[in-house]
Full PDB file with SEQRES, HELIX, SHEET, SSBOND, CRYST1, ORIGX, SCALE, CONECT and MASTER records, all heavy atoms in Angstrom:
SEQRES   1 A   35  VAL THR LEU ILE MET GLY GLN LEU LEU ALA LEU GLY VAL          
SEQRES   2 A   35  LEU LEU VAL LEU GLN ARG VAL LEU ASP GLU GLU ALA LEU          
SEQRES   3 A   35  ARG ALA TRP GLY TRP ARG ILE PRO PHE                          
HELIX    1 AA1 THR A    2  VAL A   20  1                                  19    
HELIX    2 AA2 GLU A   23  ALA A   28  1                                   6    
HELIX    3 AA3 GLY A   30  ARG A   32  5                                   3    
CRYST1    1.000    1.000    1.000  90.00  90.00  90.00 P 1           1          
ORIGX1      1.000000  0.000000  0.000000        0.00000                         
ORIGX2      0.000000  1.000000  0.000000        0.00000                         
ORIGX3      0.000000  0.000000  1.000000        0.00000                         
SCALE1      1.000000  0.000000  0.000000        0.00000                         
SCALE2      0.000000  1.000000  0.000000        0.00000                         
SCALE3      0.000000  0.000000  1.000000        0.00000                         
ATOM      1  N   VAL A   1     -17.887 -64.019  43.128  1.00  0.00           N  
ATOM      2  CA  VAL A   1     -17.723 -63.111  41.984  1.00  0.00           C  
ATOM      3  C   VAL A   1     -17.363 -63.917  40.746  1.00  0.00           C  
ATOM      4  O   VAL A   1     -17.976 -63.761  39.678  1.00  0.00           O  
ATOM      5  CB  VAL A   1     -16.642 -62.051  42.272  1.00  0.00           C  
ATOM      6  CG1 VAL A   1     -16.303 -61.276  40.997  1.00  0.00           C  
ATOM      7  CG2 VAL A   1     -17.114 -61.080  43.349  1.00  0.00           C  
ATOM      8  N   THR A   2     -16.381 -64.806  40.885  1.00  0.00           N  
ATOM      9  CA  THR A   2     -15.966 -65.588  39.721  1.00  0.00           C  
ATOM     10  C   THR A   2     -16.982 -66.672  39.384  1.00  0.00           C  
ATOM     11  O   THR A   2     -17.144 -67.033  38.220  1.00  0.00           O  
ATOM     12  CB  THR A   2     -14.583 -66.211  39.955  1.00  0.00           C  
ATOM     13  OG1 THR A   2     -14.565 -66.911  41.212  1.00  0.00           O  
ATOM     14  CG2 THR A   2     -13.506 -65.150  39.969  1.00  0.00           C  
ATOM     15  N   LEU A   3     -17.680 -67.192  40.397  1.00  0.00           N  
ATOM     16  CA  LEU A   3     -18.752 -68.155  40.132  1.00  0.00           C  
ATOM     17  C   LEU A   3     -19.837 -67.507  39.265  1.00  0.00           C  
ATOM     18  O   LEU A   3     -20.260 -68.066  38.252  1.00  0.00           O  
ATOM     19  CB  LEU A   3     -19.321 -68.636  41.463  1.00  0.00           C  
ATOM     20  CG  LEU A   3     -20.369 -69.759  41.462  1.00  0.00           C  
ATOM     21  CD1 LEU A   3     -20.352 -70.466  42.816  1.00  0.00           C  
ATOM     22  CD2 LEU A   3     -21.773 -69.233  41.195  1.00  0.00           C  
ATOM     23  N   ILE A   4     -20.269 -66.315  39.666  1.00  0.00           N  
ATOM     24  CA  ILE A   4     -21.304 -65.605  38.896  1.00  0.00           C  
ATOM     25  C   ILE A   4     -20.755 -65.169  37.544  1.00  0.00           C  
ATOM     26  O   ILE A   4     -21.459 -65.205  36.525  1.00  0.00           O  
ATOM     27  CB  ILE A   4     -21.817 -64.391  39.690  1.00  0.00           C  
ATOM     28  CG1 ILE A   4     -22.442 -64.847  41.015  1.00  0.00           C  
ATOM     29  CG2 ILE A   4     -22.847 -63.606  38.871  1.00  0.00           C  
ATOM     30  CD1 ILE A   4     -22.608 -63.729  42.026  1.00  0.00           C  
ATOM     31  N   MET A   5     -19.474 -64.785  37.520  1.00  0.00           N  
ATOM     32  CA  MET A   5     -18.859 -64.388  36.257  1.00  0.00           C  
ATOM     33  C   MET A   5     -18.835 -65.567  35.284  1.00  0.00           C  
ATOM     34  O   MET A   5     -19.032 -65.394  34.067  1.00  0.00           O  
ATOM     35  CB  MET A   5     -17.439 -63.878  36.495  1.00  0.00           C  
ATOM     36  CG  MET A   5     -16.845 -63.094  35.338  1.00  0.00           C  
ATOM     37  SD  MET A   5     -15.181 -62.476  35.708  1.00  0.00           S  
ATOM     38  CE  MET A   5     -15.556 -61.291  37.010  1.00  0.00           C  
ATOM     39  N   GLY A   6     -18.616 -66.772  35.806  1.00  0.00           N  
ATOM     40  CA  GLY A   6     -18.672 -67.951  34.953  1.00  0.00           C  
ATOM     41  C   GLY A   6     -20.058 -68.149  34.379  1.00  0.00           C  
ATOM     42  O   GLY A   6     -20.226 -68.480  33.192  1.00  0.00           O  
ATOM     43  N   GLN A   7     -21.074 -67.920  35.203  1.00  0.00           N  
ATOM     44  CA  GLN A   7     -22.448 -68.021  34.724  1.00  0.00           C  
ATOM     45  C   GLN A   7     -22.742 -66.940  33.688  1.00  0.00           C  
ATOM     46  O   GLN A   7     -23.398 -67.191  32.673  1.00  0.00           O  
ATOM     47  CB  GLN A   7     -23.411 -67.907  35.903  1.00  0.00           C  
ATOM     48  CG  GLN A   7     -24.842 -68.264  35.573  1.00  0.00           C  
ATOM     49  CD  GLN A   7     -25.714 -68.378  36.811  1.00  0.00           C  
ATOM     50  OE1 GLN A   7     -25.254 -68.180  37.928  1.00  0.00           O  
ATOM     51  NE2 GLN A   7     -26.980 -68.696  36.618  1.00  0.00           N  
ATOM     52  N   LEU A   8     -22.241 -65.729  33.948  1.00  0.00           N  
ATOM     53  CA  LEU A   8     -22.420 -64.635  32.994  1.00  0.00           C  
ATOM     54  C   LEU A   8     -21.721 -64.924  31.677  1.00  0.00           C  
ATOM     55  O   LEU A   8     -22.242 -64.608  30.598  1.00  0.00           O  
ATOM     56  CB  LEU A   8     -21.874 -63.330  33.589  1.00  0.00           C  
ATOM     57  CG  LEU A   8     -22.832 -62.497  34.425  1.00  0.00           C  
ATOM     58  CD1 LEU A   8     -22.078 -61.346  35.082  1.00  0.00           C  
ATOM     59  CD2 LEU A   8     -23.963 -61.954  33.555  1.00  0.00           C  
ATOM     60  N   LEU A   9     -20.544 -65.513  31.752  1.00  0.00           N  
ATOM     61  CA  LEU A   9     -19.816 -65.856  30.541  1.00  0.00           C  
ATOM     62  C   LEU A   9     -20.609 -66.875  29.717  1.00  0.00           C  
ATOM     63  O   LEU A   9     -20.685 -66.779  28.486  1.00  0.00           O  
ATOM     64  CB  LEU A   9     -18.434 -66.411  30.898  1.00  0.00           C  
ATOM     65  CG  LEU A   9     -17.496 -66.739  29.735  1.00  0.00           C  
ATOM     66  CD1 LEU A   9     -17.248 -65.514  28.874  1.00  0.00           C  
ATOM     67  CD2 LEU A   9     -16.179 -67.296  30.263  1.00  0.00           C  
ATOM     68  N   ALA A  10     -21.213 -67.845  30.409  1.00  0.00           N  
ATOM     69  CA  ALA A  10     -22.052 -68.823  29.703  1.00  0.00           C  
ATOM     70  C   ALA A  10     -23.232 -68.129  29.032  1.00  0.00           C  
ATOM     71  O   ALA A  10     -23.566 -68.424  27.871  1.00  0.00           O  
ATOM     72  CB  ALA A  10     -22.533 -69.891  30.685  1.00  0.00           C  
ATOM     73  N   LEU A  11     -23.869 -67.198  29.754  1.00  0.00           N  
ATOM     74  CA  LEU A  11     -24.982 -66.451  29.167  1.00  0.00           C  
ATOM     75  C   LEU A  11     -24.508 -65.551  28.031  1.00  0.00           C  
ATOM     76  O   LEU A  11     -25.209 -65.360  27.035  1.00  0.00           O  
ATOM     77  CB  LEU A  11     -25.678 -65.620  30.238  1.00  0.00           C  
ATOM     78  CG  LEU A  11     -26.518 -66.394  31.254  1.00  0.00           C  
ATOM     79  CD1 LEU A  11     -27.005 -65.464  32.352  1.00  0.00           C  
ATOM     80  CD2 LEU A  11     -27.694 -67.071  30.570  1.00  0.00           C  
ATOM     81  N   GLY A  12     -23.301 -64.976  28.192  1.00  0.00           N  
ATOM     82  CA  GLY A  12     -22.751 -64.128  27.138  1.00  0.00           C  
ATOM     83  C   GLY A  12     -22.523 -64.903  25.855  1.00  0.00           C  
ATOM     84  O   GLY A  12     -22.832 -64.416  24.748  1.00  0.00           O  
ATOM     85  N   VAL A  13     -21.986 -66.109  25.986  1.00  0.00           N  
ATOM     86  CA  VAL A  13     -21.807 -66.958  24.806  1.00  0.00           C  
ATOM     87  C   VAL A  13     -23.163 -67.266  24.175  1.00  0.00           C  
ATOM     88  O   VAL A  13     -23.313 -67.249  22.940  1.00  0.00           O  
ATOM     89  CB  VAL A  13     -21.076 -68.261  25.195  1.00  0.00           C  
ATOM     90  CG1 VAL A  13     -21.073 -69.253  24.031  1.00  0.00           C  
ATOM     91  CG2 VAL A  13     -19.645 -67.959  25.629  1.00  0.00           C  
ATOM     92  N   LEU A  14     -24.158 -67.507  25.018  1.00  0.00           N  
ATOM     93  CA  LEU A  14     -25.504 -67.775  24.503  1.00  0.00           C  
ATOM     94  C   LEU A  14     -26.064 -66.563  23.755  1.00  0.00           C  
ATOM     95  O   LEU A  14     -26.632 -66.702  22.661  1.00  0.00           O  
ATOM     96  CB  LEU A  14     -26.433 -68.155  25.661  1.00  0.00           C  
ATOM     97  CG  LEU A  14     -27.913 -68.387  25.311  1.00  0.00           C  
ATOM     98  CD1 LEU A  14     -28.072 -69.418  24.206  1.00  0.00           C  
ATOM     99  CD2 LEU A  14     -28.686 -68.809  26.551  1.00  0.00           C  
ATOM    100  N   LEU A  15     -25.889 -65.360  24.319  1.00  0.00           N  
ATOM    101  CA  LEU A  15     -26.389 -64.153  23.656  1.00  0.00           C  
ATOM    102  C   LEU A  15     -25.728 -63.956  22.296  1.00  0.00           C  
ATOM    103  O   LEU A  15     -26.385 -63.589  21.314  1.00  0.00           O  
ATOM    104  CB  LEU A  15     -26.144 -62.933  24.552  1.00  0.00           C  
ATOM    105  CG  LEU A  15     -27.081 -62.771  25.746  1.00  0.00           C  
ATOM    106  CD1 LEU A  15     -26.571 -61.677  26.682  1.00  0.00           C  
ATOM    107  CD2 LEU A  15     -28.501 -62.452  25.285  1.00  0.00           C  
ATOM    108  N   VAL A  16     -24.416 -64.196  22.237  1.00  0.00           N  
ATOM    109  CA  VAL A  16     -23.698 -64.057  20.971  1.00  0.00           C  
ATOM    110  C   VAL A  16     -24.216 -65.072  19.954  1.00  0.00           C  
ATOM    111  O   VAL A  16     -24.495 -64.734  18.783  1.00  0.00           O  
ATOM    112  CB  VAL A  16     -22.182 -64.224  21.179  1.00  0.00           C  
ATOM    113  CG1 VAL A  16     -21.454 -64.316  19.831  1.00  0.00           C  
ATOM    114  CG2 VAL A  16     -21.627 -63.054  21.985  1.00  0.00           C  
ATOM    115  N   LEU A  17     -24.363 -66.313  20.389  1.00  0.00           N  
ATOM    116  CA  LEU A  17     -24.820 -67.345  19.465  1.00  0.00           C  
ATOM    117  C   LEU A  17     -26.263 -67.102  19.022  1.00  0.00           C  
ATOM    118  O   LEU A  17     -26.632 -67.422  17.881  1.00  0.00           O  
ATOM    119  CB  LEU A  17     -24.694 -68.721  20.125  1.00  0.00           C  
ATOM    120  CG  LEU A  17     -23.260 -69.222  20.328  1.00  0.00           C  
ATOM    121  CD1 LEU A  17     -23.251 -70.573  21.031  1.00  0.00           C  
ATOM    122  CD2 LEU A  17     -22.514 -69.320  18.995  1.00  0.00           C  
ATOM    123  N   GLN A  18     -27.082 -66.530  19.912  1.00  0.00           N  
ATOM    124  CA  GLN A  18     -28.457 -66.208  19.519  1.00  0.00           C  
ATOM    125  C   GLN A  18     -28.492 -65.129  18.438  1.00  0.00           C  
ATOM    126  O   GLN A  18     -29.439 -65.060  17.646  1.00  0.00           O  
ATOM    127  CB  GLN A  18     -29.260 -65.748  20.740  1.00  0.00           C  
ATOM    128  CG  GLN A  18     -29.663 -66.890  21.666  1.00  0.00           C  
ATOM    129  CD  GLN A  18     -30.309 -66.397  22.943  1.00  0.00           C  
ATOM    130  OE1 GLN A  18     -30.098 -65.260  23.376  1.00  0.00           O  
ATOM    131  NE2 GLN A  18     -31.093 -67.247  23.571  1.00  0.00           N  
ATOM    132  N   ARG A  19     -27.448 -64.292  18.396  1.00  0.00           N  
ATOM    133  CA  ARG A  19     -27.401 -63.225  17.387  1.00  0.00           C  
ATOM    134  C   ARG A  19     -26.841 -63.724  16.056  1.00  0.00           C  
ATOM    135  O   ARG A  19     -27.239 -63.247  14.989  1.00  0.00           O  
ATOM    136  CB  ARG A  19     -26.563 -62.050  17.896  1.00  0.00           C  
ATOM    137  CG  ARG A  19     -27.276 -61.225  18.956  1.00  0.00           C  
ATOM    138  CD  ARG A  19     -26.474 -59.977  19.324  1.00  0.00           C  
ATOM    139  NE  ARG A  19     -27.212 -59.113  20.226  1.00  0.00           N  
ATOM    140  CZ  ARG A  19     -28.113 -58.217  19.857  1.00  0.00           C  
ATOM    141  NH1 ARG A  19     -28.401 -58.061  18.580  1.00  0.00           N  
ATOM    142  NH2 ARG A  19     -28.733 -57.465  20.750  1.00  0.00           N  
ATOM    143  N   VAL A  20     -25.897 -64.654  16.110  1.00  0.00           N  
ATOM    144  CA  VAL A  20     -25.226 -65.067  14.871  1.00  0.00           C  
ATOM    145  C   VAL A  20     -25.827 -66.342  14.271  1.00  0.00           C  
ATOM    146  O   VAL A  20     -25.572 -66.639  13.099  1.00  0.00           O  
ATOM    147  CB  VAL A  20     -23.707 -65.262  15.097  1.00  0.00           C  
ATOM    148  CG1 VAL A  20     -23.069 -63.970  15.559  1.00  0.00           C  
ATOM    149  CG2 VAL A  20     -23.428 -66.390  16.071  1.00  0.00           C  
ATOM    150  N   LEU A  21     -26.598 -67.094  15.068  1.00  0.00           N  
ATOM    151  CA  LEU A  21     -27.235 -68.310  14.569  1.00  0.00           C  
ATOM    152  C   LEU A  21     -28.745 -68.212  14.731  1.00  0.00           C  
ATOM    153  O   LEU A  21     -29.226 -67.588  15.672  1.00  0.00           O  
ATOM    154  CB  LEU A  21     -26.726 -69.542  15.331  1.00  0.00           C  
ATOM    155  CG  LEU A  21     -25.232 -69.864  15.244  1.00  0.00           C  
ATOM    156  CD1 LEU A  21     -24.912 -71.061  16.148  1.00  0.00           C  
ATOM    157  CD2 LEU A  21     -24.813 -70.163  13.805  1.00  0.00           C  
ATOM    158  N   ASP A  22     -29.477 -68.826  13.822  1.00  0.00           N  
ATOM    159  CA  ASP A  22     -30.924 -68.843  13.994  1.00  0.00           C  
ATOM    160  C   ASP A  22     -31.318 -69.953  14.968  1.00  0.00           C  
ATOM    161  O   ASP A  22     -30.498 -70.780  15.370  1.00  0.00           O  
ATOM    162  CB  ASP A  22     -31.643 -68.980  12.655  1.00  0.00           C  
ATOM    163  CG  ASP A  22     -31.265 -70.261  11.905  1.00  0.00           C  
ATOM    164  OD1 ASP A  22     -30.906 -71.261  12.557  1.00  0.00           O  
ATOM    165  OD2 ASP A  22     -31.323 -70.250  10.657  1.00  0.00           O  
ATOM    166  N   GLU A  23     -32.595 -69.986  15.332  1.00  0.00           N  
ATOM    167  CA  GLU A  23     -33.105 -70.948  16.317  1.00  0.00           C  
ATOM    168  C   GLU A  23     -32.832 -72.387  15.881  1.00  0.00           C  
ATOM    169  O   GLU A  23     -32.428 -73.229  16.688  1.00  0.00           O  
ATOM    170  CB  GLU A  23     -34.605 -70.739  16.499  1.00  0.00           C  
ATOM    171  CG  GLU A  23     -35.239 -71.579  17.575  1.00  0.00           C  
ATOM    172  CD  GLU A  23     -35.299 -70.877  18.921  1.00  0.00           C  
ATOM    173  OE1 GLU A  23     -34.811 -69.734  19.021  1.00  0.00           O  
ATOM    174  OE2 GLU A  23     -35.822 -71.478  19.854  1.00  0.00           O  
ATOM    175  N   GLU A  24     -33.041 -72.670  14.607  1.00  0.00           N  
ATOM    176  CA  GLU A  24     -32.865 -74.039  14.118  1.00  0.00           C  
ATOM    177  C   GLU A  24     -31.415 -74.486  14.237  1.00  0.00           C  
ATOM    178  O   GLU A  24     -31.123 -75.624  14.633  1.00  0.00           O  
ATOM    179  CB  GLU A  24     -33.333 -74.121  12.665  1.00  0.00           C  
ATOM    180  CG  GLU A  24     -33.268 -75.529  12.090  1.00  0.00           C  
ATOM    181  CD  GLU A  24     -33.777 -75.585  10.655  1.00  0.00           C  
ATOM    182  OE1 GLU A  24     -34.360 -74.589  10.188  1.00  0.00           O  
ATOM    183  OE2 GLU A  24     -33.572 -76.639  10.014  1.00  0.00           O  
ATOM    184  N   ALA A  25     -30.469 -73.595  13.892  1.00  0.00           N  
ATOM    185  CA  ALA A  25     -29.052 -73.943  13.968  1.00  0.00           C  
ATOM    186  C   ALA A  25     -28.609 -74.154  15.420  1.00  0.00           C  
ATOM    187  O   ALA A  25     -27.815 -75.059  15.723  1.00  0.00           O  
ATOM    188  CB  ALA A  25     -28.206 -72.848  13.313  1.00  0.00           C  
ATOM    189  N   LEU A  26     -29.124 -73.309  16.320  1.00  0.00           N  
ATOM    190  CA  LEU A  26     -28.778 -73.464  17.729  1.00  0.00           C  
ATOM    191  C   LEU A  26     -29.245 -74.813  18.257  1.00  0.00           C  
ATOM    192  O   LEU A  26     -28.526 -75.481  19.012  1.00  0.00           O  
ATOM    193  CB  LEU A  26     -29.407 -72.335  18.551  1.00  0.00           C  
ATOM    194  CG  LEU A  26     -28.527 -71.127  18.865  1.00  0.00           C  
ATOM    195  CD1 LEU A  26     -29.346 -70.043  19.544  1.00  0.00           C  
ATOM    196  CD2 LEU A  26     -27.356 -71.528  19.738  1.00  0.00           C  
ATOM    197  N   ARG A  27     -30.445 -75.204  17.890  1.00  0.00           N  
ATOM    198  CA  ARG A  27     -30.978 -76.472  18.382  1.00  0.00           C  
ATOM    199  C   ARG A  27     -30.319 -77.668  17.697  1.00  0.00           C  
ATOM    200  O   ARG A  27     -30.211 -78.746  18.280  1.00  0.00           O  
ATOM    201  CB  ARG A  27     -32.499 -76.521  18.171  1.00  0.00           C  
ATOM    202  CG  ARG A  27     -33.262 -75.540  19.044  1.00  0.00           C  
ATOM    203  CD  ARG A  27     -34.766 -75.671  18.867  1.00  0.00           C  
ATOM    204  NE  ARG A  27     -35.490 -74.690  19.653  1.00  0.00           N  
ATOM    205  CZ  ARG A  27     -35.806 -74.833  20.935  1.00  0.00           C  
ATOM    206  NH1 ARG A  27     -35.464 -75.941  21.582  1.00  0.00           N  
ATOM    207  NH2 ARG A  27     -36.486 -73.891  21.571  1.00  0.00           N  
ATOM    208  N   ALA A  28     -29.865 -77.482  16.475  1.00  0.00           N  
ATOM    209  CA  ALA A  28     -29.271 -78.586  15.723  1.00  0.00           C  
ATOM    210  C   ALA A  28     -27.824 -78.865  16.147  1.00  0.00           C  
ATOM    211  O   ALA A  28     -27.447 -80.009  16.393  1.00  0.00           O  
ATOM    212  CB  ALA A  28     -29.340 -78.295  14.225  1.00  0.00           C  
ATOM    213  N   TRP A  29     -26.999 -77.804  16.208  1.00  0.00           N  
ATOM    214  CA  TRP A  29     -25.580 -78.017  16.502  1.00  0.00           C  
ATOM    215  C   TRP A  29     -24.925 -76.865  17.271  1.00  0.00           C  
ATOM    216  O   TRP A  29     -23.883 -77.060  17.912  1.00  0.00           O  
ATOM    217  CB  TRP A  29     -24.793 -78.234  15.206  1.00  0.00           C  
ATOM    218  CG  TRP A  29     -24.950 -77.094  14.216  1.00  0.00           C  
ATOM    219  CD1 TRP A  29     -25.873 -76.996  13.227  1.00  0.00           C  
ATOM    220  CD2 TRP A  29     -24.160 -75.902  14.137  1.00  0.00           C  
ATOM    221  NE1 TRP A  29     -25.728 -75.816  12.533  1.00  0.00           N  
ATOM    222  CE2 TRP A  29     -24.666 -75.131  13.066  1.00  0.00           C  
ATOM    223  CE3 TRP A  29     -23.070 -75.410  14.846  1.00  0.00           C  
ATOM    224  CZ2 TRP A  29     -24.138 -73.903  12.711  1.00  0.00           C  
ATOM    225  CZ3 TRP A  29     -22.516 -74.183  14.483  1.00  0.00           C  
ATOM    226  CH2 TRP A  29     -23.051 -73.441  13.423  1.00  0.00           C  
ATOM    227  N   GLY A  30     -25.532 -75.680  17.262  1.00  0.00           N  
ATOM    228  CA  GLY A  30     -24.881 -74.528  17.893  1.00  0.00           C  
ATOM    229  C   GLY A  30     -24.672 -74.677  19.390  1.00  0.00           C  
ATOM    230  O   GLY A  30     -23.739 -74.097  19.954  1.00  0.00           O  
ATOM    231  N   TRP A  31     -25.529 -75.462  20.053  1.00  0.00           N  
ATOM    232  CA  TRP A  31     -25.395 -75.647  21.503  1.00  0.00           C  
ATOM    233  C   TRP A  31     -24.100 -76.362  21.884  1.00  0.00           C  
ATOM    234  O   TRP A  31     -23.672 -76.328  23.043  1.00  0.00           O  
ATOM    235  CB  TRP A  31     -26.593 -76.427  22.047  1.00  0.00           C  
ATOM    236  CG  TRP A  31     -26.764 -77.787  21.443  1.00  0.00           C  
ATOM    237  CD1 TRP A  31     -27.563 -78.127  20.409  1.00  0.00           C  
ATOM    238  CD2 TRP A  31     -26.117 -78.997  21.854  1.00  0.00           C  
ATOM    239  NE1 TRP A  31     -27.465 -79.476  20.128  1.00  0.00           N  
ATOM    240  CE2 TRP A  31     -26.584 -80.033  21.014  1.00  0.00           C  
ATOM    241  CE3 TRP A  31     -25.200 -79.313  22.849  1.00  0.00           C  
ATOM    242  CZ2 TRP A  31     -26.139 -81.351  21.126  1.00  0.00           C  
ATOM    243  CZ3 TRP A  31     -24.759 -80.624  22.974  1.00  0.00           C  
ATOM    244  CH2 TRP A  31     -25.229 -81.635  22.118  1.00  0.00           C  
ATOM    245  N   ARG A  32     -23.432 -77.015  20.926  1.00  0.00           N  
ATOM    246  CA  ARG A  32     -22.177 -77.716  21.226  1.00  0.00           C  
ATOM    247  C   ARG A  32     -21.003 -76.741  21.417  1.00  0.00           C  
ATOM    248  O   ARG A  32     -20.023 -77.065  22.095  1.00  0.00           O  
ATOM    249  CB  ARG A  32     -21.839 -78.703  20.105  1.00  0.00           C  
ATOM    250  CG  ARG A  32     -22.866 -79.809  19.936  1.00  0.00           C  
ATOM    251  CD  ARG A  32     -22.431 -80.796  18.843  1.00  0.00           C  
ATOM    252  NE  ARG A  32     -23.462 -81.790  18.575  1.00  0.00           N  
ATOM    253  CZ  ARG A  32     -23.621 -82.934  19.264  1.00  0.00           C  
ATOM    254  NH1 ARG A  32     -22.791 -83.212  20.258  1.00  0.00           N  
ATOM    255  NH2 ARG A  32     -24.586 -83.773  18.946  1.00  0.00           N  
ATOM    256  N   ILE A  33     -21.098 -75.563  20.803  1.00  0.00           N  
ATOM    257  CA  ILE A  33     -19.977 -74.611  20.817  1.00  0.00           C  
ATOM    258  C   ILE A  33     -19.539 -74.228  22.235  1.00  0.00           C  
ATOM    259  O   ILE A  33     -18.330 -74.224  22.532  1.00  0.00           O  
ATOM    260  CB  ILE A  33     -20.341 -73.357  19.989  1.00  0.00           C  
ATOM    261  CG1 ILE A  33     -20.514 -73.738  18.524  1.00  0.00           C  
ATOM    262  CG2 ILE A  33     -19.291 -72.256  20.151  1.00  0.00           C  
ATOM    263  CD1 ILE A  33     -21.052 -72.621  17.638  1.00  0.00           C  
ATOM    264  N   PRO A  34     -20.458 -73.878  23.160  1.00  0.00           N  
ATOM    265  CA  PRO A  34     -20.008 -73.466  24.498  1.00  0.00           C  
ATOM    266  C   PRO A  34     -19.256 -74.560  25.252  1.00  0.00           C  
ATOM    267  O   PRO A  34     -18.371 -74.253  26.067  1.00  0.00           O  
ATOM    268  CB  PRO A  34     -21.310 -73.113  25.214  1.00  0.00           C  
ATOM    269  CG  PRO A  34     -22.385 -73.810  24.459  1.00  0.00           C  
ATOM    270  CD  PRO A  34     -21.917 -73.787  23.038  1.00  0.00           C  
ATOM    271  N   PHE A  35     -19.556 -75.824  24.968  1.00  0.00           N  
ATOM    272  CA  PHE A  35     -18.863 -76.903  25.668  1.00  0.00           C  
ATOM    273  C   PHE A  35     -17.453 -77.111  25.117  1.00  0.00           C  
ATOM    274  O   PHE A  35     -16.532 -77.470  25.859  1.00  0.00           O  
ATOM    275  CB  PHE A  35     -19.692 -78.185  25.588  1.00  0.00           C  
ATOM    276  CG  PHE A  35     -21.031 -78.056  26.271  1.00  0.00           C  
ATOM    277  CD1 PHE A  35     -22.194 -77.893  25.530  1.00  0.00           C  
ATOM    278  CD2 PHE A  35     -21.117 -78.041  27.655  1.00  0.00           C  
ATOM    279  CE1 PHE A  35     -23.415 -77.749  26.157  1.00  0.00           C  
ATOM    280  CE2 PHE A  35     -22.343 -77.883  28.292  1.00  0.00           C  
ATOM    281  CZ  PHE A  35     -23.498 -77.743  27.542  1.00  0.00           C  
TER     282      PHE A  35                                                      
MASTER        0    0    0    3    0    0    0    6  281    1    0    3          
END                                                                             
């Protein structure tokens, strides 16, 4: 449950960043935020 929840949390962060950042920003620097 918590293993999958961790994966969901990672996807949730991705969904949020996909909404607040454009594709170029995500590829340039936005991908660093989840780490």
